[in-house]
Amino acid sequence: MKLFRKRIEFLNWRNDLKSTLGLVPTMGNLHQGHLSLTQRALNENENVVVTIFVNPKQFGPNEDFDQYPRTLEEDLNKLATLEGSDRLIIFNPESNDEIYPENFQTSISVNGLDKVLCGRFRDGHFSGVTTVVYQLFALTKADQAYFGQKDFQQFKIIERMAKDLMLPIRLHMCPIIREEDGLALSSRNQYLNSTQREEAVKLNQKLNEIANVYKNQGKSSAISFRDVTLQEDLRFQYIELLETQSLTGNIPTSYEGYGKVVVAGAFILGDTRLIDNLLI
């Protein structure tokens, strides 16, 4: 396992590489979800680069950039447990300048897909995501990149960017890894106190209930059930049923088979915002 802190050092290594390369972009503070992405990448590529970079451009002014956990040593120890970890390359930039050179003034946005779900509440977040991901794609020249389904909207936006800009990379969306009670793994789960942790399962529970109503009774009943849920528990920031490609509400009036609809939600407990989704 190699660790690079400087862009030029990584590029020198990359320029000599002749084999396939997978990419797993992360902000560190790794959990089993990240590790599952990395293991799949190792299984499908001769070498894998895991980037660990807390990207300032995707945090709003009142969000948790300064508090976001930086746990490099723990992350390296976790990655070392994976099968094939000797083929891992870790790029952990020593400063923002390694990703955004001095006087960096470019921003990449995907219009439309960034205006729904989380985009309604996190202005500029997704342009920060697409900008850093483009930089990582350009830097690593990876053949394949791996993302988690928990950030479904993020994946669809990155997928659109890659298609529109004709980027030569294959993207993979990998299943959500969950706790036994259904809570999606997230680095922000550690912010929850014990009471909040018990309440957090309601997000996945309600998404499942709405999904079942849609599959059994159709769109109208599912929307009505969703509306009641939002009225009864104001901790839900949103719950939406959307078509999976366009992220619009133009979904079939009745269930037509797996994968055409996503039910997604955001749930706020104290200062912690959790997101989750189900493909149905």
Protein backbone atom coordinates (compact mmCIF):
# COMPACT_ATOMS: atom_id res chain seq x y z
CA MET A 1 0.00 0.00 0.00
CA LYS A 2 1.43 3.35 -1.08
CA LEU A 3 0.56 6.78 0.34
CA PHE A 4 0.99 9.99 -1.65
CA ARG A 5 0.48 13.47 -0.19
CA LYS A 6 1.64 15.54 -3.19
CA ARG A 7 0.05 15.70 -6.62
CA ILE A 8 3.39 15.55 -8.45
CA GLU A 9 4.42 12.40 -6.58
CA PHE A 10 1.15 10.71 -7.46
CA LEU A 11 1.47 11.77 -11.11
CA ASN A 12 4.98 10.37 -11.33
CA TRP A 13 3.65 7.03 -10.11
CA ARG A 14 0.59 7.20 -12.39
CA ASN A 15 2.60 7.98 -15.50
CA ASP A 16 4.57 4.75 -15.06
CA LEU A 17 1.45 2.61 -14.53
CA LYS A 18 0.54 0.28 -17.39
CA SER A 19 -2.24 -1.71 -15.70
CA THR A 20 -5.91 -0.97 -14.98
CA LEU A 21 -6.80 1.50 -12.26
CA GLY A 22 -9.95 1.82 -10.17
CA LEU A 23 -10.88 4.91 -8.17
CA VAL A 24 -12.76 5.21 -4.87
CA PRO A 25 -13.21 8.90 -3.95
CA THR A 26 -13.79 9.48 -0.23
CA MET A 27 -13.52 12.17 2.42
CA GLY A 28 -11.98 9.68 4.83
CA ASN A 29 -13.32 8.57 8.22
CA LEU A 30 -13.90 5.27 6.49
CA HIS A 31 -16.59 2.77 7.47
CA GLN A 32 -17.68 -0.59 6.10
CA GLY A 33 -19.49 1.08 3.21
CA HIS A 34 -16.25 2.62 1.97
CA LEU A 35 -14.42 -0.65 2.52
CA SER A 36 -16.97 -2.57 0.46
CA LEU A 37 -16.49 -0.12 -2.43
CA THR A 38 -12.73 -0.51 -2.18
CA GLN A 39 -12.88 -4.30 -2.05
CA ARG A 40 -15.05 -4.41 -5.15
CA ALA A 41 -12.64 -2.06 -6.91
CA LEU A 42 -9.73 -4.32 -5.94
CA ASN A 43 -11.61 -7.33 -7.29
CA GLU A 44 -12.16 -5.63 -10.64
CA ASN A 45 -8.91 -3.69 -11.20
CA GLU A 46 -5.21 -4.43 -11.03
CA ASN A 47 -4.60 -1.31 -8.92
CA VAL A 48 -6.94 0.95 -6.93
CA VAL A 49 -6.50 4.51 -5.74
CA VAL A 50 -8.51 5.64 -2.71
CA THR A 51 -8.59 9.41 -2.42
CA ILE A 52 -9.03 10.87 1.06
CA PHE A 53 -9.82 14.56 0.78
CA VAL A 54 -12.31 16.62 2.79
CA ASN A 55 -13.48 18.85 -0.05
CA PRO A 56 -14.20 22.41 1.12
CA LYS A 57 -16.19 23.24 -2.01
CA GLN A 58 -19.07 20.91 -1.14
CA PHE A 59 -19.69 22.31 2.34
CA GLY A 60 -21.98 25.27 2.95
CA PRO A 61 -21.07 28.13 5.31
CA ASN A 62 -23.05 26.63 8.22
CA GLU A 63 -22.10 22.99 7.64
CA ASP A 64 -19.59 20.74 9.36
CA PHE A 65 -16.39 21.19 7.32
CA ASP A 66 -14.25 22.06 10.34
CA GLN A 67 -15.78 19.31 12.48
CA TYR A 68 -15.68 16.58 9.83
CA PRO A 69 -13.47 13.79 11.26
CA ARG A 70 -9.96 13.47 9.85
CA THR A 71 -8.79 9.95 10.78
CA LEU A 72 -6.03 9.07 8.33
CA GLU A 73 -4.16 6.57 10.51
CA GLU A 74 -7.35 4.67 11.34
CA ASP A 75 -8.38 4.74 7.69
CA LEU A 76 -5.05 3.27 6.57
CA ASN A 77 -5.35 0.50 9.16
CA LYS A 78 -8.84 -0.39 7.92
CA LEU A 79 -7.76 -0.42 4.28
CA ALA A 80 -4.82 -2.67 5.13
CA THR A 81 -7.27 -5.42 6.18
CA LEU A 82 -8.69 -5.76 2.67
CA GLU A 83 -7.76 -8.62 0.37
CA GLY A 84 -5.28 -7.25 -2.14
CA SER A 85 -4.43 -4.18 -0.06
CA ASP A 86 -0.87 -4.32 -1.40
CA ARG A 87 -2.38 -3.01 -4.66
CA LEU A 88 -3.89 0.06 -2.98
CA ILE A 89 -2.67 3.60 -3.54
CA ILE A 90 -3.86 6.26 -1.11
CA PHE A 91 -3.88 9.87 -2.25
CA ASN A 92 -4.35 12.17 0.74
CA PRO A 93 -3.48 15.71 -0.42
CA GLU A 94 -1.43 17.61 2.13
CA SER A 95 -3.27 20.84 1.23
CA ASN A 96 -6.19 22.06 -0.87
CA ASP A 97 -3.67 23.41 -3.42
CA GLU A 98 -2.90 19.83 -4.46
CA ILE A 99 -6.47 19.61 -5.83
CA TYR A 100 -7.22 23.27 -6.55
CA PRO A 101 -4.10 25.09 -7.75
CA GLU A 102 -3.54 28.72 -6.85
CA ASN A 103 -6.17 31.08 -8.33
CA PHE A 104 -8.44 28.16 -9.22
CA GLN A 105 -11.64 29.74 -10.61
CA THR A 106 -13.50 26.90 -12.35
CA SER A 107 -16.77 25.32 -11.25
CA ILE A 108 -18.60 22.44 -12.93
CA SER A 109 -22.37 22.20 -12.55
CA VAL A 110 -25.03 19.82 -13.86
CA ASN A 111 -28.17 21.88 -14.25
CA GLY A 112 -31.53 20.38 -13.31
CA LEU A 113 -30.51 17.26 -11.42
CA ASP A 114 -28.98 19.49 -8.75
CA LYS A 115 -32.23 21.35 -8.03
CA VAL A 116 -34.16 18.51 -6.35
CA LEU A 117 -33.79 16.45 -3.17
CA CYS A 118 -30.67 17.66 -1.30
CA GLY A 119 -30.06 20.37 -3.88
CA ARG A 120 -33.10 22.29 -2.61
CA PHE A 121 -31.44 22.72 0.77
CA ARG A 122 -27.69 22.72 0.03
CA ASP A 123 -27.05 25.51 -2.43
CA GLY A 124 -23.82 24.98 -4.35
CA HIS A 125 -23.15 21.59 -2.80
CA PHE A 126 -23.33 19.57 -5.99
CA SER A 127 -21.21 21.97 -8.04
CA GLY A 128 -18.58 21.43 -5.34
CA VAL A 129 -18.97 17.68 -5.73
CA THR A 130 -18.77 17.63 -9.53
CA THR A 131 -15.82 20.01 -9.54
CA VAL A 132 -13.75 17.87 -7.18
CA VAL A 133 -14.76 14.62 -8.87
CA TYR A 134 -13.77 16.01 -12.26
CA GLN A 135 -10.40 17.00 -10.77
CA LEU A 136 -9.95 13.49 -9.38
CA PHE A 137 -10.93 11.87 -12.68
CA ALA A 138 -8.45 14.08 -14.53
CA LEU A 139 -5.69 13.47 -11.99
CA THR A 140 -6.02 9.69 -11.65
CA LYS A 141 -7.05 8.84 -15.23
CA ALA A 142 -8.85 5.89 -13.67
CA ASP A 143 -10.56 3.29 -15.83
CA GLN A 144 -13.42 2.79 -13.38
CA ALA A 145 -14.81 4.67 -10.36
CA TYR A 146 -16.96 3.37 -7.51
CA PHE A 147 -19.64 5.23 -5.56
CA GLY A 148 -22.24 4.24 -2.97
CA GLN A 149 -25.98 4.23 -3.64
CA LYS A 150 -26.64 6.10 -0.39
CA ASP A 151 -25.66 9.25 -2.27
CA PHE A 152 -27.97 8.38 -5.16
CA GLN A 153 -28.48 11.95 -6.37
CA GLN A 154 -24.75 12.56 -6.27
CA PHE A 155 -24.15 9.48 -8.41
CA LYS A 156 -26.74 10.49 -11.02
CA ILE A 157 -25.19 13.97 -11.24
CA ILE A 158 -21.67 12.57 -11.65
CA GLU A 159 -22.98 10.07 -14.21
CA ARG A 160 -24.54 12.94 -16.18
CA MET A 161 -21.34 14.98 -16.00
CA ALA A 162 -19.24 12.08 -17.26
CA LYS A 163 -21.64 11.45 -20.14
CA ASP A 164 -21.98 15.11 -21.15
CA LEU A 165 -18.23 15.73 -21.05
CA MET A 166 -17.49 12.36 -22.73
CA LEU A 167 -15.13 11.32 -19.97
CA PRO A 168 -13.45 7.94 -20.62
CA ILE A 169 -14.36 6.30 -17.34
CA ARG A 170 -16.84 3.61 -16.30
CA LEU A 171 -18.93 4.39 -13.23
CA HIS A 172 -20.37 1.91 -10.73
CA MET A 173 -23.06 2.52 -8.11
CA CYS A 174 -22.70 -0.03 -5.32
CA PRO A 175 -25.38 -1.14 -2.80
CA ILE A 176 -25.94 0.65 0.49
CA ILE A 177 -24.33 -1.04 3.49
CA ARG A 178 -26.60 -0.94 6.54
CA GLU A 179 -26.59 -1.60 10.25
CA GLU A 180 -28.67 -4.57 11.41
CA ASP A 181 -31.63 -2.28 12.14
CA GLY A 182 -31.56 -0.79 8.63
CA LEU A 183 -29.71 2.49 9.26
CA ALA A 184 -27.49 3.31 6.30
CA LEU A 185 -23.83 3.57 7.26
CA SER A 186 -22.57 7.14 7.25
CA SER A 187 -19.60 8.96 8.74
CA ARG A 188 -22.11 11.36 10.29
CA ASN A 189 -23.84 8.61 12.29
CA GLN A 190 -21.19 9.07 14.96
CA TYR A 191 -22.59 12.56 15.67
CA LEU A 192 -25.80 10.97 17.03
CA ASN A 193 -26.33 10.52 20.75
CA SER A 194 -27.95 7.30 21.98
CA THR A 195 -31.51 8.66 21.79
CA GLN A 196 -30.97 10.08 18.32
CA ARG A 197 -29.43 6.80 17.18
CA GLU A 198 -32.61 4.97 18.18
CA GLU A 199 -34.73 7.53 16.33
CA ALA A 200 -32.54 7.43 13.22
CA VAL A 201 -34.00 4.11 12.06
CA LYS A 202 -37.29 5.89 11.32
CA LEU A 203 -35.83 7.22 8.08
CA ASN A 204 -35.31 3.78 6.56
CA GLN A 205 -38.53 2.48 8.09
CA LYS A 206 -40.67 5.21 6.52
CA LEU A 207 -38.97 4.88 3.14
CA ASN A 208 -39.77 1.16 3.19
CA GLU A 209 -43.37 1.81 4.18
CA ILE A 210 -43.83 4.32 1.36
CA ALA A 211 -42.17 1.96 -1.10
CA ASN A 212 -44.55 -0.82 -0.11
CA VAL A 213 -47.58 1.45 -0.49
CA TYR A 214 -46.40 2.41 -3.99
CA LYS A 215 -45.82 -1.21 -5.02
CA ASN A 216 -49.18 -2.38 -3.68
CA GLN A 217 -51.48 0.63 -4.12
CA GLY A 218 -49.82 2.93 -6.66
CA LYS A 219 -48.54 6.48 -6.91
CA SER A 220 -51.51 8.39 -5.52
CA SER A 221 -51.67 6.37 -2.30
CA ALA A 222 -47.91 6.54 -1.84
CA ILE A 223 -47.89 10.33 -2.24
CA SER A 224 -50.74 10.66 0.26
CA PHE A 225 -48.92 8.44 2.76
CA ARG A 226 -45.75 10.50 2.21
CA ASP A 227 -47.63 13.75 2.85
CA VAL A 228 -49.05 12.45 6.13
CA THR A 229 -45.57 11.32 7.20
CA LEU A 230 -44.12 14.78 6.54
CA GLN A 231 -46.94 16.44 8.48
CA GLU A 232 -46.64 14.10 11.47
CA ASP A 233 -42.86 14.30 11.86
CA LEU A 234 -41.23 17.62 11.01
CA ARG A 235 -37.77 16.10 11.36
CA PHE A 236 -38.16 14.80 7.81
CA GLN A 237 -36.67 17.50 5.59
CA TYR A 238 -38.05 15.79 2.50
CA ILE A 239 -39.33 12.49 1.16
CA GLU A 240 -39.70 12.16 -2.61
CA LEU A 241 -40.67 9.47 -5.10
CA LEU A 242 -38.79 10.19 -8.33
CA GLU A 243 -38.02 8.61 -11.67
CA THR A 244 -34.50 7.25 -11.40
CA GLN A 245 -33.00 8.77 -14.56
CA SER A 246 -34.52 12.26 -14.69
CA LEU A 247 -35.08 12.68 -10.92
CA THR A 248 -38.51 14.11 -11.67
CA GLY A 249 -41.85 13.19 -10.13
CA ASN A 250 -43.04 11.74 -13.44
CA ILE A 251 -43.24 8.16 -12.15
CA PRO A 252 -45.63 5.41 -13.31
CA THR A 253 -49.05 5.54 -11.64
CA SER A 254 -48.58 1.90 -10.66
CA TYR A 255 -45.56 -0.27 -9.98
CA GLU A 256 -43.91 -1.51 -13.19
CA GLY A 257 -40.90 -3.39 -11.85
CA TYR A 258 -37.67 -2.78 -9.97
CA GLY A 259 -35.43 0.16 -10.70
CA LYS A 260 -37.74 2.73 -12.28
CA VAL A 261 -38.48 4.69 -9.08
CA VAL A 262 -36.37 5.87 -6.17
CA VAL A 263 -37.87 6.90 -2.85
CA ALA A 264 -35.41 9.20 -1.09
CA GLY A 265 -35.48 11.11 2.17
CA ALA A 266 -33.56 13.37 4.51
CA PHE A 267 -34.03 13.28 8.28
CA ILE A 268 -32.63 15.80 10.76
CA LEU A 269 -31.76 14.85 14.32
CA GLY A 270 -30.29 17.74 16.28
CA ASP A 271 -27.46 19.10 14.13
CA THR A 272 -27.11 15.89 12.14
CA ARG A 273 -28.68 15.43 8.73
CA LEU A 274 -29.11 11.86 7.47
CA ILE A 275 -30.06 10.76 3.97
CA ASP A 276 -31.20 7.42 2.59
CA ASN A 277 -32.98 5.97 -0.43
CA LEU A 278 -34.52 2.81 -1.83
CA LEU A 279 -34.75 1.72 -5.45
CA ILE A 280 -38.16 0.19 -6.12
